[in-house]
mmCIF file of all heavy atoms, coordinates in Angstrom:
data_MODEL
# 
_entry.id   MODEL 
# 
loop_
_atom_site.group_PDB 
_atom_site.id 
_atom_site.type_symbol 
_atom_site.label_atom_id 
_atom_site.label_alt_id 
_atom_site.label_comp_id 
_atom_site.label_asym_id 
_atom_site.label_entity_id 
_atom_site.label_seq_id 
_atom_site.pdbx_PDB_ins_code 
_atom_site.Cartn_x 
_atom_site.Cartn_y 
_atom_site.Cartn_z 
_atom_site.occupancy 
_atom_site.B_iso_or_equiv 
_atom_site.pdbx_formal_charge 
_atom_site.auth_seq_id 
_atom_site.auth_comp_id 
_atom_site.auth_asym_id 
_atom_site.auth_atom_id 
_atom_site.pdbx_PDB_model_num 
ATOM 1   N N   . THR A 1 1  ? 87.607  121.651 81.098 1.00 0.00 ? 1  THR A N   1 
ATOM 2   C CA  . THR A 1 1  ? 86.247  121.107 81.201 1.00 0.00 ? 1  THR A CA  1 
ATOM 3   C C   . THR A 1 1  ? 86.233  119.803 81.980 1.00 0.00 ? 1  THR A C   1 
ATOM 4   O O   . THR A 1 1  ? 85.387  119.601 82.866 1.00 0.00 ? 1  THR A O   1 
ATOM 5   C CB  . THR A 1 1  ? 85.656  120.880 79.797 1.00 0.00 ? 1  THR A CB  1 
ATOM 6   O OG1 . THR A 1 1  ? 85.651  122.119 79.081 1.00 0.00 ? 1  THR A OG1 1 
ATOM 7   C CG2 . THR A 1 1  ? 84.246  120.348 79.873 1.00 0.00 ? 1  THR A CG2 1 
ATOM 8   N N   . ASN A 1 2  ? 87.162  118.912 81.665 1.00 0.00 ? 2  ASN A N   1 
ATOM 9   C CA  . ASN A 1 2  ? 87.214  117.614 82.357 1.00 0.00 ? 2  ASN A CA  1 
ATOM 10  C C   . ASN A 1 2  ? 87.503  117.783 83.848 1.00 0.00 ? 2  ASN A C   1 
ATOM 11  O O   . ASN A 1 2  ? 86.911  117.082 84.694 1.00 0.00 ? 2  ASN A O   1 
ATOM 12  C CB  . ASN A 1 2  ? 88.284  116.723 81.718 1.00 0.00 ? 2  ASN A CB  1 
ATOM 13  C CG  . ASN A 1 2  ? 87.898  116.275 80.314 1.00 0.00 ? 2  ASN A CG  1 
ATOM 14  O OD1 . ASN A 1 2  ? 86.717  116.274 79.961 1.00 0.00 ? 2  ASN A OD1 1 
ATOM 15  N ND2 . ASN A 1 2  ? 88.884  115.897 79.514 1.00 0.00 ? 2  ASN A ND2 1 
ATOM 16  N N   . GLN A 1 3  ? 88.393  118.709 84.183 1.00 0.00 ? 3  GLN A N   1 
ATOM 17  C CA  . GLN A 1 3  ? 88.718  118.958 85.594 1.00 0.00 ? 3  GLN A CA  1 
ATOM 18  C C   . GLN A 1 3  ? 87.509  119.537 86.330 1.00 0.00 ? 3  GLN A C   1 
ATOM 19  O O   . GLN A 1 3  ? 87.258  119.197 87.492 1.00 0.00 ? 3  GLN A O   1 
ATOM 20  C CB  . GLN A 1 3  ? 89.913  119.909 85.690 1.00 0.00 ? 3  GLN A CB  1 
ATOM 21  C CG  . GLN A 1 3  ? 91.230  119.284 85.266 1.00 0.00 ? 3  GLN A CG  1 
ATOM 22  C CD  . GLN A 1 3  ? 92.336  120.309 85.107 1.00 0.00 ? 3  GLN A CD  1 
ATOM 23  O OE1 . GLN A 1 3  ? 92.122  121.501 85.316 1.00 0.00 ? 3  GLN A OE1 1 
ATOM 24  N NE2 . GLN A 1 3  ? 93.517  119.842 84.746 1.00 0.00 ? 3  GLN A NE2 1 
ATOM 25  N N   . TYR A 1 4  ? 86.768  120.404 85.654 1.00 0.00 ? 4  TYR A N   1 
ATOM 26  C CA  . TYR A 1 4  ? 85.579  121.011 86.253 1.00 0.00 ? 4  TYR A CA  1 
ATOM 27  C C   . TYR A 1 4  ? 84.514  119.938 86.530 1.00 0.00 ? 4  TYR A C   1 
ATOM 28  O O   . TYR A 1 4  ? 83.929  119.882 87.624 1.00 0.00 ? 4  TYR A O   1 
ATOM 29  C CB  . TYR A 1 4  ? 85.036  122.086 85.323 1.00 0.00 ? 4  TYR A CB  1 
ATOM 30  C CG  . TYR A 1 4  ? 83.715  122.669 85.751 1.00 0.00 ? 4  TYR A CG  1 
ATOM 31  C CD1 . TYR A 1 4  ? 83.590  123.392 86.936 1.00 0.00 ? 4  TYR A CD1 1 
ATOM 32  C CD2 . TYR A 1 4  ? 82.573  122.498 84.956 1.00 0.00 ? 4  TYR A CD2 1 
ATOM 33  C CE1 . TYR A 1 4  ? 82.373  123.923 87.336 1.00 0.00 ? 4  TYR A CE1 1 
ATOM 34  C CE2 . TYR A 1 4  ? 81.349  123.026 85.336 1.00 0.00 ? 4  TYR A CE2 1 
ATOM 35  C CZ  . TYR A 1 4  ? 81.259  123.743 86.530 1.00 0.00 ? 4  TYR A CZ  1 
ATOM 36  O OH  . TYR A 1 4  ? 80.047  124.269 86.924 1.00 0.00 ? 4  TYR A OH  1 
ATOM 37  N N   . ILE A 1 5  ? 84.290  119.060 85.547 1.00 0.00 ? 5  ILE A N   1 
ATOM 38  C CA  . ILE A 1 5  ? 83.301  117.987 85.717 1.00 0.00 ? 5  ILE A CA  1 
ATOM 39  C C   . ILE A 1 5  ? 83.718  117.047 86.848 1.00 0.00 ? 5  ILE A C   1 
ATOM 40  O O   . ILE A 1 5  ? 82.889  116.631 87.682 1.00 0.00 ? 5  ILE A O   1 
ATOM 41  C CB  . ILE A 1 5  ? 83.135  117.199 84.399 1.00 0.00 ? 5  ILE A CB  1 
ATOM 42  C CG1 . ILE A 1 5  ? 82.493  118.094 83.327 1.00 0.00 ? 5  ILE A CG1 1 
ATOM 43  C CG2 . ILE A 1 5  ? 82.294  115.947 84.605 1.00 0.00 ? 5  ILE A CG2 1 
ATOM 44  C CD1 . ILE A 1 5  ? 82.477  117.497 81.937 1.00 0.00 ? 5  ILE A CD1 1 
ATOM 45  N N   . LEU A 1 6  ? 85.003  116.716 86.898 1.00 0.00 ? 6  LEU A N   1 
ATOM 46  C CA  . LEU A 1 6  ? 85.499  115.836 87.949 1.00 0.00 ? 6  LEU A CA  1 
ATOM 47  C C   . LEU A 1 6  ? 85.335  116.478 89.330 1.00 0.00 ? 6  LEU A C   1 
ATOM 48  O O   . LEU A 1 6  ? 84.961  115.808 90.306 1.00 0.00 ? 6  LEU A O   1 
ATOM 49  C CB  . LEU A 1 6  ? 86.975  115.507 87.698 1.00 0.00 ? 6  LEU A CB  1 
ATOM 50  C CG  . LEU A 1 6  ? 87.618  114.473 88.634 1.00 0.00 ? 6  LEU A CG  1 
ATOM 51  C CD1 . LEU A 1 6  ? 86.909  113.125 88.506 1.00 0.00 ? 6  LEU A CD1 1 
ATOM 52  C CD2 . LEU A 1 6  ? 89.110  114.327 88.321 1.00 0.00 ? 6  LEU A CD2 1 
ATOM 53  N N   . ALA A 1 7  ? 85.581  117.786 89.400 1.00 0.00 ? 7  ALA A N   1 
ATOM 54  C CA  . ALA A 1 7  ? 85.425  118.508 90.672 1.00 0.00 ? 7  ALA A CA  1 
ATOM 55  C C   . ALA A 1 7  ? 83.964  118.487 91.121 1.00 0.00 ? 7  ALA A C   1 
ATOM 56  O O   . ALA A 1 7  ? 83.672  118.348 92.322 1.00 0.00 ? 7  ALA A O   1 
ATOM 57  C CB  . ALA A 1 7  ? 85.925  119.947 90.522 1.00 0.00 ? 7  ALA A CB  1 
ATOM 58  N N   . LEU A 1 8  ? 83.042  118.614 90.179 1.00 0.00 ? 8  LEU A N   1 
ATOM 59  C CA  . LEU A 1 8  ? 81.610  118.541 90.516 1.00 0.00 ? 8  LEU A CA  1 
ATOM 60  C C   . LEU A 1 8  ? 81.251  117.161 91.060 1.00 0.00 ? 8  LEU A C   1 
ATOM 61  O O   . LEU A 1 8  ? 80.538  117.039 92.064 1.00 0.00 ? 8  LEU A O   1 
ATOM 62  C CB  . LEU A 1 8  ? 80.767  118.852 89.281 1.00 0.00 ? 8  LEU A CB  1 
ATOM 63  C CG  . LEU A 1 8  ? 80.726  120.307 88.796 1.00 0.00 ? 8  LEU A CG  1 
ATOM 64  C CD1 . LEU A 1 8  ? 79.968  120.409 87.482 1.00 0.00 ? 8  LEU A CD1 1 
ATOM 65  C CD2 . LEU A 1 8  ? 80.084  121.215 89.843 1.00 0.00 ? 8  LEU A CD2 1 
ATOM 66  N N   . LYS A 1 9  ? 81.766  116.115 90.415 1.00 0.00 ? 9  LYS A N   1 
ATOM 67  C CA  . LYS A 1 9  ? 81.459  114.755 90.846 1.00 0.00 ? 9  LYS A CA  1 
ATOM 68  C C   . LYS A 1 9  ? 82.025  114.458 92.225 1.00 0.00 ? 9  LYS A C   1 
ATOM 69  O O   . LYS A 1 9  ? 81.429  113.720 93.012 1.00 0.00 ? 9  LYS A O   1 
ATOM 70  C CB  . LYS A 1 9  ? 82.014  113.755 89.827 1.00 0.00 ? 9  LYS A CB  1 
ATOM 71  C CG  . LYS A 1 9  ? 81.254  113.722 88.511 1.00 0.00 ? 9  LYS A CG  1 
ATOM 72  C CD  . LYS A 1 9  ? 81.841  112.673 87.564 1.00 0.00 ? 9  LYS A CD  1 
ATOM 73  C CE  . LYS A 1 9  ? 81.049  112.605 86.268 1.00 0.00 ? 9  LYS A CE  1 
ATOM 74  N NZ  . LYS A 1 9  ? 81.644  111.613 85.320 1.00 0.00 ? 9  LYS A NZ  1 
ATOM 75  N N   . ASN A 1 10 ? 83.210  115.026 92.509 1.00 0.00 ? 10 ASN A N   1 
ATOM 76  C CA  . ASN A 1 10 ? 83.893  114.726 93.770 1.00 0.00 ? 10 ASN A CA  1 
ATOM 77  C C   . ASN A 1 10 ? 83.568  115.734 94.878 1.00 0.00 ? 10 ASN A C   1 
ATOM 78  O O   . ASN A 1 10 ? 84.212  115.714 95.937 1.00 0.00 ? 10 ASN A O   1 
ATOM 79  C CB  . ASN A 1 10 ? 85.406  114.700 93.543 1.00 0.00 ? 10 ASN A CB  1 
ATOM 80  C CG  . ASN A 1 10 ? 85.842  113.562 92.650 1.00 0.00 ? 10 ASN A CG  1 
ATOM 81  O OD1 . ASN A 1 10 ? 85.130  112.563 92.526 1.00 0.00 ? 10 ASN A OD1 1 
ATOM 82  N ND2 . ASN A 1 10 ? 87.004  113.694 92.024 1.00 0.00 ? 10 ASN A ND2 1 
ATOM 83  N N   . ASN A 1 11 ? 82.606  116.617 94.589 1.00 0.00 ? 11 ASN A N   1 
ATOM 84  C CA  . ASN A 1 11 ? 82.247  117.654 95.560 1.00 0.00 ? 11 ASN A CA  1 
ATOM 85  C C   . ASN A 1 11 ? 83.452  118.482 96.010 1.00 0.00 ? 11 ASN A C   1 
ATOM 86  O O   . ASN A 1 11 ? 83.598  118.834 97.181 1.00 0.00 ? 11 ASN A O   1 
ATOM 87  C CB  . ASN A 1 11 ? 81.576  117.025 96.795 1.00 0.00 ? 11 ASN A CB  1 
ATOM 88  C CG  . ASN A 1 11 ? 80.236  116.390 96.462 1.00 0.00 ? 11 ASN A CG  1 
ATOM 89  O OD1 . ASN A 1 11 ? 79.441  116.970 95.727 1.00 0.00 ? 11 ASN A OD1 1 
ATOM 90  N ND2 . ASN A 1 11 ? 80.008  115.195 96.990 1.00 0.00 ? 11 ASN A ND2 1 
ATOM 91  N N   . SER A 1 12 ? 84.348  118.762 95.034 1.00 0.00 ? 12 SER A N   1 
ATOM 92  C CA  . SER A 1 12 ? 85.548  119.537 95.358 1.00 0.00 ? 12 SER A CA  1 
ATOM 93  C C   . SER A 1 12 ? 85.621  120.810 94.522 1.00 0.00 ? 12 SER A C   1 
ATOM 94  O O   . SER A 1 12 ? 86.698  121.282 94.180 1.00 0.00 ? 12 SER A O   1 
ATOM 95  C CB  . SER A 1 12 ? 86.800  118.684 95.122 1.00 0.00 ? 12 SER A CB  1 
ATOM 96  O OG  . SER A 1 12 ? 86.859  118.222 93.771 1.00 0.00 ? 12 SER A OG  1 
ATOM 97  N N   . ILE A 1 13 ? 84.444  121.359 94.195 1.00 0.00 ? 13 ILE A N   1 
ATOM 98  C CA  . ILE A 1 13 ? 84.404  122.522 93.314 1.00 0.00 ? 13 ILE A CA  1 
ATOM 99  C C   . ILE A 1 13 ? 85.058  123.743 93.955 1.00 0.00 ? 13 ILE A C   1 
ATOM 100 O O   . ILE A 1 13 ? 85.665  124.569 93.260 1.00 0.00 ? 13 ILE A O   1 
ATOM 101 C CB  . ILE A 1 13 ? 82.946  122.837 92.884 1.00 0.00 ? 13 ILE A CB  1 
ATOM 102 C CG1 . ILE A 1 13 ? 82.940  123.769 91.669 1.00 0.00 ? 13 ILE A CG1 1 
ATOM 103 C CG2 . ILE A 1 13 ? 82.141  123.406 94.040 1.00 0.00 ? 13 ILE A CG2 1 
ATOM 104 C CD1 . ILE A 1 13 ? 83.511  123.169 90.428 1.00 0.00 ? 13 ILE A CD1 1 
ATOM 105 N N   . ASP A 1 14 ? 84.973  123.868 95.279 1.00 0.00 ? 14 ASP A N   1 
ATOM 106 C CA  . ASP A 1 14 ? 85.603  125.021 95.934 1.00 0.00 ? 14 ASP A CA  1 
ATOM 107 C C   . ASP A 1 14 ? 87.123  124.978 95.779 1.00 0.00 ? 14 ASP A C   1 
ATOM 108 O O   . ASP A 1 14 ? 87.754  126.006 95.535 1.00 0.00 ? 14 ASP A O   1 
ATOM 109 C CB  . ASP A 1 14 ? 85.240  125.049 97.421 1.00 0.00 ? 14 ASP A CB  1 
ATOM 110 C CG  . ASP A 1 14 ? 83.776  125.402 97.655 1.00 0.00 ? 14 ASP A CG  1 
ATOM 111 O OD1 . ASP A 1 14 ? 83.161  125.984 96.726 1.00 0.00 ? 14 ASP A OD1 1 
ATOM 112 O OD2 . ASP A 1 14 ? 83.257  125.096 98.742 1.00 0.00 ? 14 ASP A OD2 1 
ATOM 113 N N   . GLU A 1 15 ? 87.706  123.784 95.929 1.00 0.00 ? 15 GLU A N   1 
ATOM 114 C CA  . GLU A 1 15 ? 89.149  123.640 95.758 1.00 0.00 ? 15 GLU A CA  1 
ATOM 115 C C   . GLU A 1 15 ? 89.553  123.939 94.308 1.00 0.00 ? 15 GLU A C   1 
ATOM 116 O O   . GLU A 1 15 ? 90.594  124.559 94.054 1.00 0.00 ? 15 GLU A O   1 
ATOM 117 C CB  . GLU A 1 15 ? 89.595  122.230 96.144 1.00 0.00 ? 15 GLU A CB  1 
ATOM 118 C CG  . GLU A 1 15 ? 89.529  121.931 97.626 1.00 0.00 ? 15 GLU A CG  1 
ATOM 119 C CD  . GLU A 1 15 ? 88.146  121.452 98.062 1.00 0.00 ? 15 GLU A CD  1 
ATOM 120 O OE1 . GLU A 1 15 ? 87.186  121.583 97.267 1.00 0.00 ? 15 GLU A OE1 1 
ATOM 121 O OE2 . GLU A 1 15 ? 88.031  120.957 99.204 1.00 0.00 ? 15 GLU A OE2 1 
ATOM 122 N N   . PHE A 1 16 ? 88.721  123.479 93.367 1.00 0.00 ? 16 PHE A N   1 
ATOM 123 C CA  . PHE A 1 16 ? 88.980  123.737 91.947 1.00 0.00 ? 16 PHE A CA  1 
ATOM 124 C C   . PHE A 1 16 ? 89.027  125.242 91.693 1.00 0.00 ? 16 PHE A C   1 
ATOM 125 O O   . PHE A 1 16 ? 89.965  125.760 91.074 1.00 0.00 ? 16 PHE A O   1 
ATOM 126 C CB  . PHE A 1 16 ? 87.884  123.080 91.109 1.00 0.00 ? 16 PHE A CB  1 
ATOM 127 C CG  . PHE A 1 16 ? 87.942  123.412 89.639 1.00 0.00 ? 16 PHE A CG  1 
ATOM 128 C CD1 . PHE A 1 16 ? 88.794  122.729 88.792 1.00 0.00 ? 16 PHE A CD1 1 
ATOM 129 C CD2 . PHE A 1 16 ? 87.123  124.409 89.108 1.00 0.00 ? 16 PHE A CD2 1 
ATOM 130 C CE1 . PHE A 1 16 ? 88.843  123.033 87.433 1.00 0.00 ? 16 PHE A CE1 1 
ATOM 131 C CE2 . PHE A 1 16 ? 87.165  124.712 87.759 1.00 0.00 ? 16 PHE A CE2 1 
ATOM 132 C CZ  . PHE A 1 16 ? 88.029  124.025 86.919 1.00 0.00 ? 16 PHE A CZ  1 
ATOM 133 N N   . HIS A 1 17 ? 88.002  125.949 92.178 1.00 0.00 ? 17 HIS A N   1 
ATOM 134 C CA  . HIS A 1 17 ? 87.952  127.405 91.994 1.00 0.00 ? 17 HIS A CA  1 
ATOM 135 C C   . HIS A 1 17 ? 89.147  128.081 92.655 1.00 0.00 ? 17 HIS A C   1 
ATOM 136 O O   . HIS A 1 17 ? 89.741  129.010 92.092 1.00 0.00 ? 17 HIS A O   1 
ATOM 137 C CB  . HIS A 1 17 ? 86.657  127.965 92.578 1.00 0.00 ? 17 HIS A CB  1 
ATOM 138 C CG  . HIS A 1 17 ? 85.466  127.732 91.708 1.00 0.00 ? 17 HIS A CG  1 
ATOM 139 N ND1 . HIS A 1 17 ? 84.177  127.926 92.139 1.00 0.00 ? 17 HIS A ND1 1 
ATOM 140 C CD2 . HIS A 1 17 ? 85.353  127.311 90.424 1.00 0.00 ? 17 HIS A CD2 1 
ATOM 141 C CE1 . HIS A 1 17 ? 83.333  127.644 91.157 1.00 0.00 ? 17 HIS A CE1 1 
ATOM 142 N NE2 . HIS A 1 17 ? 84.020  127.269 90.112 1.00 0.00 ? 17 HIS A NE2 1 
ATOM 143 N N   . GLU A 1 18 ? 89.493  127.629 93.833 1.00 0.00 ? 18 GLU A N   1 
ATOM 144 C CA  . GLU A 1 18 ? 90.578  128.256 94.584 1.00 0.00 ? 18 GLU A CA  1 
ATOM 145 C C   . GLU A 1 18 ? 91.901  128.167 93.832 1.00 0.00 ? 18 GLU A C   1 
ATOM 146 O O   . GLU A 1 18 ? 92.670  129.126 93.751 1.00 0.00 ? 18 GLU A O   1 
ATOM 147 C CB  . GLU A 1 18 ? 90.710  127.586 95.959 1.00 0.00 ? 18 GLU A CB  1 
ATOM 148 C CG  . GLU A 1 18 ? 91.685  128.280 96.904 1.00 0.00 ? 18 GLU A CG  1 
ATOM 149 C CD  . GLU A 1 18 ? 91.150  129.614 97.414 1.00 0.00 ? 18 GLU A CD  1 
ATOM 150 O OE1 . GLU A 1 18 ? 89.960  129.927 97.191 1.00 0.00 ? 18 GLU A OE1 1 
ATOM 151 O OE2 . GLU A 1 18 ? 91.938  130.350 98.026 1.00 0.00 ? 18 GLU A OE2 1 
ATOM 152 N N   . GLN A 1 19 ? 92.173  127.003 93.269 1.00 0.00 ? 19 GLN A N   1 
ATOM 153 C CA  . GLN A 1 19 ? 93.424  126.825 92.524 1.00 0.00 ? 19 GLN A CA  1 
ATOM 154 C C   . GLN A 1 19 ? 93.499  127.761 91.318 1.00 0.00 ? 19 GLN A C   1 
ATOM 155 O O   . GLN A 1 19 ? 94.524  128.394 91.073 1.00 0.00 ? 19 GLN A O   1 
ATOM 156 C CB  . GLN A 1 19 ? 93.545  125.366 92.068 1.00 0.00 ? 19 GLN A CB  1 
ATOM 157 C CG  . GLN A 1 19 ? 93.890  124.403 93.187 1.00 0.00 ? 19 GLN A CG  1 
ATOM 158 C CD  . GLN A 1 19 ? 94.007  122.977 92.684 1.00 0.00 ? 19 GLN A CD  1 
ATOM 159 O OE1 . GLN A 1 19 ? 93.252  122.556 91.803 1.00 0.00 ? 19 GLN A OE1 1 
ATOM 160 N NE2 . GLN A 1 19 ? 94.956  122.235 93.235 1.00 0.00 ? 19 GLN A NE2 1 
ATOM 161 N N   . TYR A 1 20 ? 92.421  127.819 90.556 1.00 0.00 ? 20 TYR A N   1 
ATOM 162 C CA  . TYR A 1 20 ? 92.433  128.644 89.350 1.00 0.00 ? 20 TYR A CA  1 
ATOM 163 C C   . TYR A 1 20 ? 92.405  130.135 89.668 1.00 0.00 ? 20 TYR A C   1 
ATOM 164 O O   . TYR A 1 20 ? 93.014  130.934 88.961 1.00 0.00 ? 20 TYR A O   1 
ATOM 165 C CB  . TYR A 1 20 ? 91.247  128.272 88.444 1.00 0.00 ? 20 TYR A CB  1 
ATOM 166 C CG  . TYR A 1 20 ? 91.566  127.125 87.517 1.00 0.00 ? 20 TYR A CG  1 
ATOM 167 C CD1 . TYR A 1 20 ? 91.274  125.813 87.879 1.00 0.00 ? 20 TYR A CD1 1 
ATOM 168 C CD2 . TYR A 1 20 ? 92.172  127.347 86.293 1.00 0.00 ? 20 TYR A CD2 1 
ATOM 169 C CE1 . TYR A 1 20 ? 91.570  124.756 87.035 1.00 0.00 ? 20 TYR A CE1 1 
ATOM 170 C CE2 . TYR A 1 20 ? 92.477  126.295 85.436 1.00 0.00 ? 20 TYR A CE2 1 
ATOM 171 C CZ  . TYR A 1 20 ? 92.183  125.000 85.813 1.00 0.00 ? 20 TYR A CZ  1 
ATOM 172 O OH  . TYR A 1 20 ? 92.492  123.957 84.966 1.00 0.00 ? 20 TYR A OH  1 
ATOM 173 N N   . ARG A 1 21 ? 91.722  130.520 90.706 1.00 0.00 ? 21 ARG A N   1 
ATOM 174 C CA  . ARG A 1 21 ? 91.586  131.941 91.016 1.00 0.00 ? 21 ARG A CA  1 
ATOM 175 C C   . ARG A 1 21 ? 92.849  132.542 91.608 1.00 0.00 ? 21 ARG A C   1 
ATOM 176 O O   . ARG A 1 21 ? 92.986  133.755 91.654 1.00 0.00 ? 21 ARG A O   1 
ATOM 177 C CB  . ARG A 1 21 ? 90.428  132.146 91.998 1.00 0.00 ? 21 ARG A CB  1 
ATOM 178 C CG  . ARG A 1 21 ? 89.057  132.016 91.362 1.00 0.00 ? 21 ARG A CG  1 
ATOM 179 C CD  . ARG A 1 21 ? 87.968  131.947 92.410 1.00 0.00 ? 21 ARG A CD  1 
ATOM 180 N NE  . ARG A 1 21 ? 86.636  132.021 91.820 1.00 0.00 ? 21 ARG A NE  1 
ATOM 181 C CZ  . ARG A 1 21 ? 85.528  131.704 92.447 1.00 0.00 ? 21 ARG A CZ  1 
ATOM 182 N NH1 . ARG A 1 21 ? 85.574  131.278 93.703 1.00 0.00 ? 21 ARG A NH1 1 
ATOM 183 N NH2 . ARG A 1 21 ? 84.351  131.803 91.843 1.00 0.00 ? 21 ARG A NH2 1 
ATOM 184 N N   . ASN A 1 22 ? 93.766  131.705 92.062 1.00 0.00 ? 22 ASN A N   1 
ATOM 185 C CA  . ASN A 1 22 ? 94.939  132.221 92.737 1.00 0.00 ? 22 ASN A CA  1 
ATOM 186 C C   . ASN A 1 22 ? 96.238  131.995 91.972 1.00 0.00 ? 22 ASN A C   1 
ATOM 187 O O   . ASN A 1 22 ? 97.313  132.123 92.536 1.00 0.00 ? 22 ASN A O   1 
ATOM 188 C CB  . ASN A 1 22 ? 95.044  131.590 94.133 1.00 0.00 ? 22 ASN A CB  1 
ATOM 189 C CG  . ASN A 1 22 ? 93.976  132.108 95.068 1.00 0.00 ? 22 ASN A CG  1 
ATOM 190 O OD1 . ASN A 1 22 ? 94.054  133.217 95.577 1.00 0.00 ? 22 ASN A OD1 1 
ATOM 191 N ND2 . ASN A 1 22 ? 92.940  131.308 95.288 1.00 0.00 ? 22 ASN A ND2 1 
ATOM 192 N N   . THR A 1 23 ? 96.135  131.674 90.705 1.00 0.00 ? 23 THR A N   1 
ATOM 193 C CA  . THR A 1 23 ? 97.336  131.548 89.897 1.00 0.00 ? 23 THR A CA  1 
ATOM 194 C C   . THR A 1 23 ? 97.739  132.914 89.343 1.00 0.00 ? 23 THR A C   1 
ATOM 195 O O   . THR A 1 23 ? 96.891  133.802 89.158 1.00 0.00 ? 23 THR A O   1 
ATOM 196 C CB  . THR A 1 23 ? 97.129  130.551 88.746 1.00 0.00 ? 23 THR A CB  1 
ATOM 197 O OG1 . THR A 1 23 ? 98.372  130.318 88.087 1.00 0.00 ? 23 THR A OG1 1 
ATOM 198 C CG2 . THR A 1 23 ? 96.122  131.089 87.712 1.00 0.00 ? 23 THR A CG2 1 
ATOM 199 N N   . ASP A 1 24 ? 99.020  133.115 89.093 1.00 0.00 ? 24 ASP A N   1 
ATOM 200 C CA  . ASP A 1 24 ? 99.487  134.379 88.522 1.00 0.00 ? 24 ASP A CA  1 
ATOM 201 C C   . ASP A 1 24 ? 99.219  134.454 87.025 1.00 0.00 ? 24 ASP A C   1 
ATOM 202 O O   . ASP A 1 24 ? 98.936  135.517 86.484 1.00 0.00 ? 24 ASP A O   1 
ATOM 203 C CB  . ASP A 1 24 ? 100.994 134.543 88.768 1.00 0.00 ? 24 ASP A CB  1 
ATOM 204 C CG  . ASP A 1 24 ? 101.333 134.608 90.240 1.00 0.00 ? 24 ASP A CG  1 
ATOM 205 O OD1 . ASP A 1 24 ? 100.632 135.334 90.960 1.00 0.00 ? 24 ASP A OD1 1 
ATOM 206 O OD2 . ASP A 1 24 ? 102.281 133.923 90.669 1.00 0.00 ? 24 ASP A OD2 1 
ATOM 207 N N   . PHE A 1 25 ? 99.350  133.307 86.359 1.00 0.00 ? 25 PHE A N   1 
ATOM 208 C CA  . PHE A 1 25 ? 99.105  133.219 84.916 1.00 0.00 ? 25 PHE A CA  1 
ATOM 209 C C   . PHE A 1 25 ? 98.125  132.070 84.664 1.00 0.00 ? 25 PHE A C   1 
ATOM 210 O O   . PHE A 1 25 ? 98.369  130.943 85.091 1.00 0.00 ? 25 PHE A O   1 
ATOM 211 C CB  . PHE A 1 25 ? 100.393 132.913 84.138 1.00 0.00 ? 25 PHE A CB  1 
ATOM 212 C CG  . PHE A 1 25 ? 101.255 134.100 83.843 1.00 0.00 ? 25 PHE A CG  1 
ATOM 213 C CD1 . PHE A 1 25 ? 102.027 134.669 84.849 1.00 0.00 ? 25 PHE A CD1 1 
ATOM 214 C CD2 . PHE A 1 25 ? 101.319 134.641 82.571 1.00 0.00 ? 25 PHE A CD2 1 
ATOM 215 C CE1 . PHE A 1 25 ? 102.844 135.752 84.588 1.00 0.00 ? 25 PHE A CE1 1 
ATOM 216 C CE2 . PHE A 1 25 ? 102.126 135.735 82.300 1.00 0.00 ? 25 PHE A CE2 1 
ATOM 217 C CZ  . PHE A 1 25 ? 102.891 136.291 83.311 1.00 0.00 ? 25 PHE A CZ  1 
ATOM 218 N N   . LEU A 1 26 ? 97.038  132.378 83.947 1.00 0.00 ? 26 LEU A N   1 
ATOM 219 C CA  . LEU A 1 26 ? 96.135  131.331 83.479 1.00 0.00 ? 26 LEU A CA  1 
ATOM 220 C C   . LEU A 1 26 ? 96.167  131.335 81.952 1.00 0.00 ? 26 LEU A C   1 
ATOM 221 O O   . LEU A 1 26 ? 95.811  132.330 81.314 1.00 0.00 ? 26 LEU A O   1 
ATOM 222 C CB  . LEU A 1 26 ? 94.703  131.560 83.964 1.00 0.00 ? 26 LEU A CB  1 
ATOM 223 C CG  . LEU A 1 26 ? 93.650  130.600 83.381 1.00 0.00 ? 26 LEU A CG  1 
ATOM 224 C CD1 . LEU A 1 26 ? 93.991  129.140 83.702 1.00 0.00 ? 26 LEU A CD1 1 
ATOM 225 C CD2 . LEU A 1 26 ? 92.250  130.946 83.871 1.00 0.00 ? 26 LEU A CD2 1 
ATOM 226 N N   . LEU A 1 27 ? 96.621  130.226 81.375 1.00 0.00 ? 27 LEU A N   1 
ATOM 227 C CA  . LEU A 1 27 ? 96.732  130.112 79.925 1.00 0.00 ? 27 LEU A CA  1 
ATOM 228 C C   . LEU A 1 27 ? 95.905  128.925 79.464 1.00 0.00 ? 27 LEU A C   1 
ATOM 229 O O   . LEU A 1 27 ? 96.105  127.798 79.946 1.00 0.00 ? 27 LEU A O   1 
ATOM 230 C CB  . LEU A 1 27 ? 98.203  129.928 79.513 1.00 0.00 ? 27 LEU A CB  1 
ATOM 231 C CG  . LEU A 1 27 ? 99.166  131.016 80.009 1.00 0.00 ? 27 LEU A CG  1 
ATOM 232 C CD1 . LEU A 1 27 ? 99.922  130.529 81.245 1.00 0.00 ? 27 LEU A CD1 1 
ATOM 233 C CD2 . LEU A 1 27 ? 100.156 131.411 78.937 1.00 0.00 ? 27 LEU A CD2 1 
# 
């Protein structure tokens, strides 16, 4: 949640999504 909010504030939401969507394991 904190990383998502920070990404919104920094206008880096696309990078945030990209990192999470391309991991092999999300825990």
